[in-house]
C-alpha atoms as a PDB file:
ATOM      1  CA  MET A   1       0.000   0.000   0.000  1.00  0.00           C
ATOM      2  CA  ILE A   2       1.355   3.407  -0.984  1.00  0.00           C
ATOM      3  CA  CYS A   3       0.652   6.375   1.276  1.00  0.00           C
ATOM      4  CA  ALA A   4       0.382   9.838  -0.205  1.00  0.00           C
ATOM      5  CA  ILE A   5       2.429  12.375   1.710  1.00  0.00           C
ATOM      6  CA  PRO A   6       1.365  15.980   1.209  1.00  0.00           C
ATOM      7  CA  ILE A   7       4.001  18.351  -0.089  1.00  0.00           C
ATOM      8  CA  LEU A   8       5.367  20.626   2.610  1.00  0.00           C
ATOM      9  CA  ARG A   9       5.723  24.343   1.934  1.00  0.00           C
ATOM     10  CA  SER A  10       7.894  26.453   4.223  1.00  0.00           C
ATOM     11  CA  ASN A  11       7.691  30.255   4.060  1.00  0.00           C
ATOM     12  CA  ALA A  12       8.242  33.103   6.521  1.00  0.00           C
ATOM     13  CA  VAL A  13       5.615  35.831   6.909  1.00  0.00           C
ATOM     14  CA  SER A  14       5.978  39.115   8.775  1.00  0.00           C
ATOM     15  CA  GLN A  15       2.899  40.211  10.664  1.00  0.00           C
ATOM     16  CA  SER A  16       4.030  43.839  10.388  1.00  0.00           C
ATOM     17  CA  PHE A  17       3.638  46.206  13.314  1.00  0.00           C
ATOM     18  CA  THR A  18       0.523  45.027  15.142  1.00  0.00           C
ATOM     19  CA  LYS A  19      -1.282  46.894  17.889  1.00  0.00           C
ATOM     20  CA  THR A  20      -1.116  44.823  21.104  1.00  0.00           C
ATOM     21  CA  ASP A  21      -1.087  45.328  24.853  1.00  0.00           C
ATOM     22  CA  LEU A  22       2.519  44.160  24.837  1.00  0.00           C
ATOM     23  CA  ASN A  23       3.649  47.210  22.817  1.00  0.00           C
ATOM     24  CA  HIS A  24       1.224  49.563  24.603  1.00  0.00           C
ATOM     25  CA  ASN A  25      -0.979  49.800  21.476  1.00  0.00           C
ATOM     26  CA  ARG A  26       1.588  51.979  19.683  1.00  0.00           C
ATOM     27  CA  TYR A  27       0.929  50.596  16.203  1.00  0.00           C
ATOM     28  CA  THR A  28      -2.081  50.743  13.906  1.00  0.00           C
ATOM     29  CA  GLY A  29      -2.227  47.195  12.494  1.00  0.00           C
ATOM     30  CA  THR A  30      -4.869  44.939  14.008  1.00  0.00           C
ATOM     31  CA  GLY A  31      -4.618  41.323  15.051  1.00  0.00           C
ATOM     32  CA  GLN A  32      -7.217  40.498  12.391  1.00  0.00           C
ATOM     33  CA  ASP A  33      -5.018  42.037   9.672  1.00  0.00           C
ATOM     34  CA  ALA A  34      -2.007  40.042  10.869  1.00  0.00           C
ATOM     35  CA  ALA A  35      -4.069  36.829  10.985  1.00  0.00           C
ATOM     36  CA  LYS A  36      -5.277  37.371   7.410  1.00  0.00           C
ATOM     37  CA  ARG A  37      -1.665  37.560   6.221  1.00  0.00           C
ATOM     38  CA  PHE A  38      -0.725  34.312   7.964  1.00  0.00           C
ATOM     39  CA  VAL A  39      -3.794  32.469   6.665  1.00  0.00           C
ATOM     40  CA  LYS A  40      -3.190  33.731   3.107  1.00  0.00           C
ATOM     41  CA  TYR A  41       0.273  32.190   2.992  1.00  0.00           C
ATOM     42  CA  ALA A  42      -0.630  29.126   5.057  1.00  0.00           C
ATOM     43  CA  LEU A  43      -3.190  28.171   2.414  1.00  0.00           C
ATOM     44  CA  ILE A  44      -0.743  28.213  -0.510  1.00  0.00           C
ATOM     45  CA  GLY A  45      -1.421  25.118  -2.572  1.00  0.00           C
ATOM     46  CA  ASN A  46       0.985  22.337  -3.542  1.00  0.00           C
ATOM     47  CA  ASP A  47       1.988  24.304  -6.635  1.00  0.00           C
ATOM     48  CA  GLY A  48       2.761  27.434  -4.575  1.00  0.00           C
ATOM     49  CA  VAL A  49       6.082  28.970  -3.645  1.00  0.00           C
ATOM     50  CA  THR A  50       8.342  27.716  -0.875  1.00  0.00           C
ATOM     51  CA  GLY A  51      11.430  29.060   0.891  1.00  0.00           C
ATOM     52  CA  LYS A  52      10.287  32.683   0.609  1.00  0.00           C
ATOM     53  CA  PHE A  53       9.942  35.636   2.993  1.00  0.00           C
ATOM     54  CA  PHE A  54       6.815  37.787   2.749  1.00  0.00           C
ATOM     55  CA  TYR A  55       6.318  41.308   4.080  1.00  0.00           C
ATOM     56  CA  GLU A  56       3.459  43.086   2.324  1.00  0.00           C
ATOM     57  CA  LYS A  57       4.189  46.566   3.691  1.00  0.00           C
ATOM     58  CA  THR A  58       7.432  46.797   1.725  1.00  0.00           C
ATOM     59  CA  ASN A  59       6.387  44.924  -1.430  1.00  0.00           C
ATOM     60  CA  GLN A  60       2.659  45.369  -1.947  1.00  0.00           C
ATOM     61  CA  GLU A  61       2.643  43.768  -5.395  1.00  0.00           C
ATOM     62  CA  THR A  62       3.806  40.254  -4.438  1.00  0.00           C
ATOM     63  CA  GLY A  63       4.711  40.609  -0.748  1.00  0.00           C
ATOM     64  CA  GLU A  64       7.984  38.782  -1.430  1.00  0.00           C
ATOM     65  CA  LEU A  65      11.298  40.068  -0.108  1.00  0.00           C
ATOM     66  CA  PRO A  66      14.766  38.650  -0.699  1.00  0.00           C
ATOM     67  CA  TRP A  67      16.364  36.821   2.209  1.00  0.00           C
END
């Protein structure tokens, strides 16, 4: 019997500056905005990119930044 192993994708995503109690609410980004970014890249399909770093504030077109 052959087991199918899903393809693993590994990427890094910056949440950007997020307003939290820990930083005394100094920033404007919300936790919901940060969560949307993580979910967007977590749901990349098997044909998606891997080994990338994403920070949408700096590169709004693709979100990708060089390591």
